[in-house]
Amino acid sequence: MRRVKIVDEPDKTYAYAAVDQRTGEIPLRHHDRTELIALCRRLEWRIEEAEQDRQGSDQRQRQAKRALTGSTKLLASPRTNKRGGDMRASAS
């Protein structure tokens, strides 16, 4: 299993990079940190974050999880019924 650390590179074309902890190589870069984390998780890479990065890591993990699940399945809207019309309260 590859272990990577997500680093910020604001002066580069892609602002975020996944750095391999063993070799120091950068196998992935992306403009969105959340999407980069989601991609690393899909590849089953272990993500290691520095202490200062952990402050917002809970929120980032939730965003990454939503990005991962949102890309694999579509959820039906609760406002439509099976016939495709709007659900409305019946008049009393």
PDB file of N, CA and C in Angstrom:
ATOM      1  N   MET A   1       0.850  -1.176   0.000  1.00  0.00           N
ATOM      2  CA  MET A   1       0.000   0.000   0.000  1.00  0.00           C
ATOM      3  C   MET A   1       0.893   1.237   0.000  1.00  0.00           C
ATOM      4  N   ARG A   2       0.604   2.145  -0.888  1.00  0.00           N
ATOM      5  CA  ARG A   2       1.368   3.382  -0.980  1.00  0.00           C
ATOM      6  C   ARG A   2       0.887   4.363   0.081  1.00  0.00           C
ATOM      7  N   ARG A   3       1.824   5.037   0.724  1.00  0.00           N
ATOM      8  CA  ARG A   3       1.497   6.075   1.704  1.00  0.00           C
ATOM      9  C   ARG A   3       1.902   7.414   1.108  1.00  0.00           C
ATOM     10  N   VAL A   4       0.953   8.347   1.095  1.00  0.00           N
ATOM     11  CA  VAL A   4       1.200   9.664   0.519  1.00  0.00           C
ATOM     12  C   VAL A   4       0.862  10.756   1.517  1.00  0.00           C
ATOM     13  N   LYS A   5       1.455  11.902   1.306  1.00  0.00           N
ATOM     14  CA  LYS A   5       1.148  13.086   2.090  1.00  0.00           C
ATOM     15  C   LYS A   5       0.673  14.153   1.111  1.00  0.00           C
ATOM     16  N   ILE A   6      -0.438  14.799   1.430  1.00  0.00           N
ATOM     17  CA  ILE A   6      -0.979  15.860   0.584  1.00  0.00           C
ATOM     18  C   ILE A   6      -0.302  17.168   0.980  1.00  0.00           C
ATOM     19  N   VAL A   7       0.319  17.829   0.000  1.00  0.00           N
ATOM     20  CA  VAL A   7       1.013  19.085   0.268  1.00  0.00           C
ATOM     21  C   VAL A   7       0.455  20.187  -0.625  1.00  0.00           C
ATOM     22  N   ASP A   8       0.561  21.422  -0.133  1.00  0.00           N
ATOM     23  CA  ASP A   8       0.124  22.588  -0.897  1.00  0.00           C
ATOM     24  C   ASP A   8       1.296  23.116  -1.722  1.00  0.00           C
ATOM     25  N   GLU A   9       1.034  23.388  -2.991  1.00  0.00           N
ATOM     26  CA  GLU A   9       2.015  23.999  -3.884  1.00  0.00           C
ATOM     27  C   GLU A   9       1.323  25.142  -4.637  1.00  0.00           C
ATOM     28  N   PRO A  10       1.080  26.265  -3.972  1.00  0.00           N
ATOM     29  CA  PRO A  10       0.273  27.327  -4.579  1.00  0.00           C
ATOM     30  C   PRO A  10       0.894  27.965  -5.826  1.00  0.00           C
ATOM     31  N   ASP A  11       2.189  27.877  -6.011  1.00  0.00           N
ATOM     32  CA  ASP A  11       2.838  28.505  -7.167  1.00  0.00           C
ATOM     33  C   ASP A  11       2.855  27.613  -8.402  1.00  0.00           C
ATOM     34  N   LYS A  12       2.378  26.406  -8.295  1.00  0.00           N
ATOM     35  CA  LYS A  12       2.389  25.446  -9.407  1.00  0.00           C
ATOM     36  C   LYS A  12       1.063  25.502 -10.166  1.00  0.00           C
ATOM     37  N   THR A  13       1.013  24.824 -11.299  1.00  0.00           N
ATOM     38  CA  THR A  13      -0.208  24.748 -12.092  1.00  0.00           C
ATOM     39  C   THR A  13      -1.322  24.082 -11.297  1.00  0.00           C
ATOM     40  N   TYR A  14      -0.981  22.975 -10.627  1.00  0.00           N
ATOM     41  CA  TYR A  14      -1.922  22.288  -9.753  1.00  0.00           C
ATOM     42  C   TYR A  14      -1.519  22.589  -8.318  1.00  0.00           C
ATOM     43  N   ALA A  15      -2.435  23.119  -7.533  1.00  0.00           N
ATOM     44  CA  ALA A  15      -2.114  23.639  -6.203  1.00  0.00           C
ATOM     45  C   ALA A  15      -1.815  22.566  -5.162  1.00  0.00           C
ATOM     46  N   TYR A  16      -2.210  21.316  -5.400  1.00  0.00           N
ATOM     47  CA  TYR A  16      -2.027  20.256  -4.415  1.00  0.00           C
ATOM     48  C   TYR A  16      -1.345  19.054  -5.054  1.00  0.00           C
ATOM     49  N   ALA A  17      -0.514  18.386  -4.251  1.00  0.00           N
ATOM     50  CA  ALA A  17       0.207  17.217  -4.743  1.00  0.00           C
ATOM     51  C   ALA A  17       0.199  16.121  -3.693  1.00  0.00           C
ATOM     52  N   ALA A  18       0.205  14.881  -4.165  1.00  0.00           N
ATOM     53  CA  ALA A  18       0.335  13.721  -3.289  1.00  0.00           C
ATOM     54  C   ALA A  18       1.785  13.250  -3.395  1.00  0.00           C
ATOM     55  N   VAL A  19       2.525  13.332  -2.285  1.00  0.00           N
ATOM     56  CA  VAL A  19       3.940  12.969  -2.275  1.00  0.00           C
ATOM     57  C   VAL A  19       4.079  11.587  -1.642  1.00  0.00           C
ATOM     58  N   ASP A  20       4.723  10.667  -2.359  1.00  0.00           N
ATOM     59  CA  ASP A  20       4.976   9.330  -1.826  1.00  0.00           C
ATOM     60  C   ASP A  20       5.948   9.447  -0.658  1.00  0.00           C
ATOM     61  N   GLN A  21       5.561   8.918   0.500  1.00  0.00           N
ATOM     62  CA  GLN A  21       6.372   9.044   1.709  1.00  0.00           C
ATOM     63  C   GLN A  21       7.648   8.209   1.647  1.00  0.00           C
ATOM     64  N   ARG A  22       7.651   7.136   0.888  1.00  0.00           N
ATOM     65  CA  ARG A  22       8.827   6.272   0.829  1.00  0.00           C
ATOM     66  C   ARG A  22       9.852   6.781  -0.177  1.00  0.00           C
ATOM     67  N   THR A  23       9.406   7.195  -1.365  1.00  0.00           N
ATOM     68  CA  THR A  23      10.336   7.566  -2.434  1.00  0.00           C
ATOM     69  C   THR A  23      10.485   9.072  -2.620  1.00  0.00           C
ATOM     70  N   GLY A  24       9.508   9.848  -2.167  1.00  0.00           N
ATOM     71  CA  GLY A  24       9.542  11.292  -2.377  1.00  0.00           C
ATOM     72  C   GLY A  24       8.996  11.720  -3.731  1.00  0.00           C
ATOM     73  N   GLU A  25       8.555  10.769  -4.541  1.00  0.00           N
ATOM     74  CA  GLU A  25       7.978  11.082  -5.849  1.00  0.00           C
ATOM     75  C   GLU A  25       6.602  11.705  -5.688  1.00  0.00           C
ATOM     76  N   ILE A  26       6.164  12.406  -6.717  1.00  0.00           N
ATOM     77  CA  ILE A  26       4.823  12.999  -6.734  1.00  0.00           C
ATOM     78  C   ILE A  26       4.017  12.284  -7.822  1.00  0.00           C
ATOM     79  N   PRO A  27       3.256  11.246  -7.451  1.00  0.00           N
ATOM     80  CA  PRO A  27       2.500  10.505  -8.464  1.00  0.00           C
ATOM     81  C   PRO A  27       1.232  11.209  -8.941  1.00  0.00           C
ATOM     82  N   LEU A  28       0.664  12.107  -8.116  1.00  0.00           N
ATOM     83  CA  LEU A  28      -0.570  12.798  -8.492  1.00  0.00           C
ATOM     84  C   LEU A  28      -0.534  14.261  -8.098  1.00  0.00           C
ATOM     85  N   ARG A  29      -1.137  15.097  -8.940  1.00  0.00           N
ATOM     86  CA  ARG A  29      -1.347  16.514  -8.637  1.00  0.00           C
ATOM     87  C   ARG A  29      -2.786  16.849  -9.015  1.00  0.00           C
ATOM     88  N   HIS A  30      -3.355  17.835  -8.321  1.00  0.00           N
ATOM     89  CA  HIS A  30      -4.731  18.233  -8.638  1.00  0.00           C
ATOM     90  C   HIS A  30      -4.959  19.663  -8.169  1.00  0.00           C
ATOM     91  N   HIS A  31      -5.920  20.345  -8.758  1.00  0.00           N
ATOM     92  CA  HIS A  31      -6.216  21.729  -8.361  1.00  0.00           C
ATOM     93  C   HIS A  31      -7.121  21.799  -7.132  1.00  0.00           C
ATOM     94  N   ASP A  32      -7.799  20.683  -6.785  1.00  0.00           N
ATOM     95  CA  ASP A  32      -8.728  20.650  -5.657  1.00  0.00           C
ATOM     96  C   ASP A  32      -8.265  19.603  -4.646  1.00  0.00           C
ATOM     97  N   ARG A  33      -8.001  20.043  -3.419  1.00  0.00           N
ATOM     98  CA  ARG A  33      -7.495  19.149  -2.371  1.00  0.00           C
ATOM     99  C   ARG A  33      -8.470  18.013  -2.071  1.00  0.00           C
ATOM    100  N   THR A  34      -9.762  18.335  -1.989  1.00  0.00           N
ATOM    101  CA  THR A  34     -10.779  17.338  -1.670  1.00  0.00           C
ATOM    102  C   THR A  34     -10.834  16.245  -2.739  1.00  0.00           C
ATOM    103  N   GLU A  35     -10.786  16.633  -3.983  1.00  0.00           N
ATOM    104  CA  GLU A  35     -10.825  15.646  -5.064  1.00  0.00           C
ATOM    105  C   GLU A  35      -9.554  14.818  -5.110  1.00  0.00           C
ATOM    106  N   LEU A  36      -8.409  15.419  -4.777  1.00  0.00           N
ATOM    107  CA  LEU A  36      -7.153  14.669  -4.731  1.00  0.00           C
ATOM    108  C   LEU A  36      -7.210  13.604  -3.628  1.00  0.00           C
ATOM    109  N   ILE A  37      -7.738  13.976  -2.471  1.00  0.00           N
ATOM    110  CA  ILE A  37      -7.872  13.013  -1.376  1.00  0.00           C
ATOM    111  C   ILE A  37      -8.825  11.892  -1.780  1.00  0.00           C
ATOM    112  N   ALA A  38      -9.939  12.229  -2.416  1.00  0.00           N
ATOM    113  CA  ALA A  38     -10.900  11.215  -2.854  1.00  0.00           C
ATOM    114  C   ALA A  38     -10.253  10.262  -3.865  1.00  0.00           C
ATOM    115  N   LEU A  39      -9.458  10.795  -4.779  1.00  0.00           N
ATOM    116  CA  LEU A  39      -8.785   9.958  -5.764  1.00  0.00           C
ATOM    117  C   LEU A  39      -7.777   9.021  -5.095  1.00  0.00           C
ATOM    118  N   CYS A  40      -7.010   9.539  -4.140  1.00  0.00           N
ATOM    119  CA  CYS A  40      -6.051   8.702  -3.404  1.00  0.00           C
ATOM    120  C   CYS A  40      -6.766   7.578  -2.663  1.00  0.00           C
ATOM    121  N   ARG A  41      -7.918   7.867  -2.099  1.00  0.00           N
ATOM    122  CA  ARG A  41      -8.681   6.834  -1.389  1.00  0.00           C
ATOM    123  C   ARG A  41      -9.223   5.784  -2.345  1.00  0.00           C
ATOM    124  N   ARG A  42      -9.654   6.214  -3.545  1.00  0.00           N
ATOM    125  CA  ARG A  42     -10.111   5.239  -4.538  1.00  0.00           C
ATOM    126  C   ARG A  42      -8.987   4.299  -4.946  1.00  0.00           C
ATOM    127  N   LEU A  43      -7.765   4.831  -4.977  1.00  0.00           N
ATOM    128  CA  LEU A  43      -6.602   4.011  -5.305  1.00  0.00           C
ATOM    129  C   LEU A  43      -6.110   3.203  -4.106  1.00  0.00           C
ATOM    130  N   GLU A  44      -6.803   3.374  -2.967  1.00  0.00           N
ATOM    131  CA  GLU A  44      -6.491   2.692  -1.709  1.00  0.00           C
ATOM    132  C   GLU A  44      -5.107   3.046  -1.182  1.00  0.00           C
ATOM    133  N   TRP A  45      -4.735   4.311  -1.350  1.00  0.00           N
ATOM    134  CA  TRP A  45      -3.491   4.817  -0.782  1.00  0.00           C
ATOM    135  C   TRP A  45      -3.776   5.348   0.612  1.00  0.00           C
ATOM    136  N   ARG A  46      -2.840   5.170   1.511  1.00  0.00           N
ATOM    137  CA  ARG A  46      -2.974   5.685   2.870  1.00  0.00           C
ATOM    138  C   ARG A  46      -2.513   7.138   2.866  1.00  0.00           C
ATOM    139  N   ILE A  47      -3.343   8.024   3.408  1.00  0.00           N
ATOM    140  CA  ILE A  47      -3.038   9.458   3.423  1.00  0.00           C
ATOM    141  C   ILE A  47      -2.553   9.850   4.801  1.00  0.00           C
ATOM    142  N   GLU A  48      -1.359  10.404   4.853  1.00  0.00           N
ATOM    143  CA  GLU A  48      -0.789  10.874   6.116  1.00  0.00           C
ATOM    144  C   GLU A  48      -0.748  12.395   6.067  1.00  0.00           C
ATOM    145  N   GLU A  49      -1.238  13.001   7.128  1.00  0.00           N
ATOM    146  CA  GLU A  49      -1.272  14.458   7.180  1.00  0.00           C
ATOM    147  C   GLU A  49      -0.409  14.959   8.322  1.00  0.00           C
ATOM    148  N   ALA A  50       0.183  16.129   8.147  1.00  0.00           N
ATOM    149  CA  ALA A  50       0.985  16.752   9.196  1.00  0.00           C
ATOM    150  C   ALA A  50       0.054  17.280  10.286  1.00  0.00           C
ATOM    151  N   GLU A  51       0.600  17.561  11.460  1.00  0.00           N
ATOM    152  CA  GLU A  51      -0.202  18.025  12.596  1.00  0.00           C
ATOM    153  C   GLU A  51      -0.983  19.291  12.266  1.00  0.00           C
ATOM    154  N   GLN A  52      -0.368  20.262  11.596  1.00  0.00           N
ATOM    155  CA  GLN A  52      -1.088  21.502  11.307  1.00  0.00           C
ATOM    156  C   GLN A  52      -2.199  21.272  10.287  1.00  0.00           C
ATOM    157  N   ASP A  53      -2.095  20.233   9.472  1.00  0.00           N
ATOM    158  CA  ASP A  53      -3.138  19.929   8.507  1.00  0.00           C
ATOM    159  C   ASP A  53      -4.336  19.255   9.148  1.00  0.00           C
ATOM    160  N   ARG A  54      -4.173  18.691  10.324  1.00  0.00           N
ATOM    161  CA  ARG A  54      -5.250  17.943  10.956  1.00  0.00           C
ATOM    162  C   ARG A  54      -6.339  18.826  11.532  1.00  0.00           C
ATOM    163  N   GLN A  55      -6.109  20.117  11.620  1.00  0.00           N
ATOM    164  CA  GLN A  55      -7.132  21.009  12.175  1.00  0.00           C
ATOM    165  C   GLN A  55      -8.411  20.925  11.356  1.00  0.00           C
ATOM    166  N   GLY A  56      -8.301  20.956  10.070  1.00  0.00           N
ATOM    167  CA  GLY A  56      -9.483  20.887   9.218  1.00  0.00           C
ATOM    168  C   GLY A  56      -9.677  19.535   8.575  1.00  0.00           C
ATOM    169  N   SER A  57      -8.952  18.523   9.050  1.00  0.00           N
ATOM    170  CA  SER A  57      -8.998  17.231   8.382  1.00  0.00           C
ATOM    171  C   SER A  57     -10.368  16.559   8.510  1.00  0.00           C
ATOM    172  N   ASP A  58     -11.072  16.747   9.616  1.00  0.00           N
ATOM    173  CA  ASP A  58     -12.396  16.137   9.751  1.00  0.00           C
ATOM    174  C   ASP A  58     -13.331  16.643   8.671  1.00  0.00           C
ATOM    175  N   GLN A  59     -13.315  17.941   8.459  1.00  0.00           N
ATOM    176  CA  GLN A  59     -14.173  18.515   7.427  1.00  0.00           C
ATOM    177  C   GLN A  59     -13.725  18.050   6.045  1.00  0.00           C
ATOM    178  N   ARG A  60     -12.417  18.016   5.801  1.00  0.00           N
ATOM    179  CA  ARG A  60     -11.914  17.556   4.505  1.00  0.00           C
ATOM    180  C   ARG A  60     -12.265  16.099   4.258  1.00  0.00           C
ATOM    181  N   GLN A  61     -12.211  15.269   5.303  1.00  0.00           N
ATOM    182  CA  GLN A  61     -12.547  13.861   5.139  1.00  0.00           C
ATOM    183  C   GLN A  61     -14.018  13.692   4.782  1.00  0.00           C
ATOM    184  N   ARG A  62     -14.882  14.481   5.418  1.00  0.00           N
ATOM    185  CA  ARG A  62     -16.306  14.412   5.077  1.00  0.00           C
ATOM    186  C   ARG A  62     -16.529  14.851   3.633  1.00  0.00           C
ATOM    187  N   GLN A  63     -15.827  15.915   3.197  1.00  0.00           N
ATOM    188  CA  GLN A  63     -15.962  16.380   1.829  1.00  0.00           C
ATOM    189  C   GLN A  63     -15.447  15.334   0.846  1.00  0.00           C
ATOM    190  N   ALA A  64     -14.325  14.710   1.185  1.00  0.00           N
ATOM    191  CA  ALA A  64     -13.763  13.676   0.318  1.00  0.00           C
ATOM    192  C   ALA A  64     -14.704  12.481   0.229  1.00  0.00           C
ATOM    193  N   LYS A  65     -15.310  12.125   1.344  1.00  0.00           N
ATOM    194  CA  LYS A  65     -16.246  11.004   1.352  1.00  0.00           C
ATOM    195  C   LYS A  65     -17.457  11.316   0.488  1.00  0.00           C
ATOM    196  N   ARG A  66     -17.967  12.564   0.601  1.00  0.00           N
ATOM    197  CA  ARG A  66     -19.100  12.966  -0.238  1.00  0.00           C
ATOM    198  C   ARG A  66     -18.709  12.953  -1.711  1.00  0.00           C
ATOM    199  N   ALA A  67     -17.503  13.413  -2.031  1.00  0.00           N
ATOM    200  CA  ALA A  67     -17.053  13.424  -3.420  1.00  0.00           C
ATOM    201  C   ALA A  67     -16.934  12.002  -3.950  1.00  0.00           C
ATOM    202  N   LEU A  68     -16.460  11.092  -3.109  1.00  0.00           N
ATOM    203  CA  LEU A  68     -16.307   9.700  -3.518  1.00  0.00           C
ATOM    204  C   LEU A  68     -17.656   9.037  -3.734  1.00  0.00           C
ATOM    205  N   THR A  69     -18.575   9.186  -2.789  1.00  0.00           N
ATOM    206  CA  THR A  69     -19.876   8.547  -2.925  1.00  0.00           C
ATOM    207  C   THR A  69     -20.720   9.238  -3.985  1.00  0.00           C
ATOM    208  N   GLY A  70     -20.572  10.536  -4.136  1.00  0.00           N
ATOM    209  CA  GLY A  70     -21.348  11.263  -5.135  1.00  0.00           C
ATOM    210  C   GLY A  70     -20.962  10.900  -6.554  1.00  0.00           C
ATOM    211  N   SER A  71     -19.715  10.493  -6.757  1.00  0.00           N
ATOM    212  CA  SER A  71     -19.276  10.159  -8.102  1.00  0.00           C
ATOM    213  C   SER A  71     -19.647   8.738  -8.497  1.00  0.00           C
ATOM    214  N   THR A  72     -20.042   7.900  -7.540  1.00  0.00           N
ATOM    215  CA  THR A  72     -20.331   6.509  -7.865  1.00  0.00           C
ATOM    216  C   THR A  72     -21.815   6.199  -7.989  1.00  0.00           C
ATOM    217  N   LYS A  73     -22.667   7.044  -7.425  1.00  0.00           N
ATOM    218  CA  LYS A  73     -24.093   6.764  -7.530  1.00  0.00           C
ATOM    219  C   LYS A  73     -24.877   8.075  -7.501  1.00  0.00           C
ATOM    220  N   LEU A  74     -26.028   8.035  -8.104  1.00  0.00           N
ATOM    221  CA  LEU A  74     -26.908   9.200  -8.120  1.00  0.00           C
ATOM    222  C   LEU A  74     -28.055   8.952  -7.152  1.00  0.00           C
ATOM    223  N   LEU A  75     -28.386   9.954  -6.390  1.00  0.00           N
ATOM    224  CA  LEU A  75     -29.484   9.826  -5.444  1.00  0.00           C
ATOM    225  C   LEU A  75     -30.738  10.458  -6.030  1.00  0.00           C
ATOM    226  N   ALA A  76     -31.867   9.837  -5.801  1.00  0.00           N
ATOM    227  CA  ALA A  76     -33.132  10.373  -6.273  1.00  0.00           C
ATOM    228  C   ALA A  76     -33.527  11.565  -5.415  1.00  0.00           C
ATOM    229  N   SER A  77     -34.141  12.521  -6.033  1.00  0.00           N
ATOM    230  CA  SER A  77     -34.604  13.692  -5.304  1.00  0.00           C
ATOM    231  C   SER A  77     -35.849  13.326  -4.504  1.00  0.00           C
ATOM    232  N   PRO A  78     -35.933  13.742  -3.236  1.00  0.00           N
ATOM    233  CA  PRO A  78     -37.119  13.423  -2.441  1.00  0.00           C
ATOM    234  C   PRO A  78     -38.339  14.246  -2.857  1.00  0.00           C
ATOM    235  N   ARG A  79     -38.170  15.200  -3.738  1.00  0.00           N
ATOM    236  CA  ARG A  79     -39.282  16.078  -4.130  1.00  0.00           C
ATOM    237  C   ARG A  79     -40.058  15.561  -5.325  1.00  0.00           C
ATOM    238  N   THR A  80     -39.643  14.461  -5.885  1.00  0.00           N
ATOM    239  CA  THR A  80     -40.368  13.927  -7.033  1.00  0.00           C
ATOM    240  C   THR A  80     -40.915  12.556  -6.697  1.00  0.00           C
ATOM    241  N   ASN A  81     -42.022  12.214  -7.311  1.00  0.00           N
ATOM    242  CA  ASN A  81     -42.572  10.877  -7.109  1.00  0.00           C
ATOM    243  C   ASN A  81     -42.206  10.002  -8.296  1.00  0.00           C
ATOM    244  N   LYS A  82     -42.696   8.777  -8.298  1.00  0.00           N
ATOM    245  CA  LYS A  82     -42.310   7.815  -9.329  1.00  0.00           C
ATOM    246  C   LYS A  82     -42.790   8.221 -10.719  1.00  0.00           C
ATOM    247  N   ARG A  83     -43.860   8.989 -10.788  1.00  0.00           N
ATOM    248  CA  ARG A  83     -44.376   9.419 -12.096  1.00  0.00           C
ATOM    249  C   ARG A  83     -43.653  10.629 -12.631  1.00  0.00           C
ATOM    250  N   GLY A  84     -42.723  11.182 -11.856  1.00  0.00           N
ATOM    251  CA  GLY A  84     -41.961  12.326 -12.339  1.00  0.00           C
ATOM    252  C   GLY A  84     -42.550  13.674 -11.983  1.00  0.00           C
ATOM    253  N   GLY A  85     -43.706  13.680 -11.293  1.00  0.00           N
ATOM    254  CA  GLY A  85     -44.319  14.937 -10.920  1.00  0.00           C
ATOM    255  C   GLY A  85     -43.885  15.376  -9.536  1.00  0.00           C
ATOM    256  N   ASP A  86     -44.252  16.572  -9.177  1.00  0.00           N
ATOM    257  CA  ASP A  86     -43.919  17.088  -7.846  1.00  0.00           C
ATOM    258  C   ASP A  86     -44.832  16.468  -6.802  1.00  0.00           C
ATOM    259  N   MET A  87     -44.309  16.273  -5.626  1.00  0.00           N
ATOM    260  CA  MET A  87     -45.114  15.790  -4.506  1.00  0.00           C
ATOM    261  C   MET A  87     -45.731  17.009  -3.830  1.00  0.00           C
ATOM    262  N   ARG A  88     -47.017  17.029  -3.715  1.00  0.00           N
ATOM    263  CA  ARG A  88     -47.706  18.160  -3.098  1.00  0.00           C
ATOM    264  C   ARG A  88     -48.654  17.635  -2.034  1.00  0.00           C
ATOM    265  N   ALA A  89     -48.808  18.431  -1.000  1.00  0.00           N
ATOM    266  CA  ALA A  89     -49.762  18.064   0.052  1.00  0.00           C
ATOM    267  C   ALA A  89     -51.169  18.144  -0.512  1.00  0.00           C
ATOM    268  N   SER A  90     -52.001  17.194  -0.126  1.00  0.00           N
ATOM    269  CA  SER A  90     -53.374  17.190  -0.619  1.00  0.00           C
ATOM    270  C   SER A  90     -54.172  18.280   0.069  1.00  0.00           C
ATOM    271  N   ALA A  91     -55.110  18.853  -0.638  1.00  0.00           N
ATOM    272  CA  ALA A  91     -55.933  19.920  -0.074  1.00  0.00           C
ATOM    273  C   ALA A  91     -56.919  19.328   0.925  1.00  0.00           C
ATOM    274  N   SER A  92     -57.061  19.947   2.066  1.00  0.00           N
ATOM    275  CA  SER A  92     -57.977  19.429   3.101  1.00  0.00           C
ATOM    276  C   SER A  92     -59.293  20.120   3.059  1.00  0.00           C
TER     277      SER A  92
END
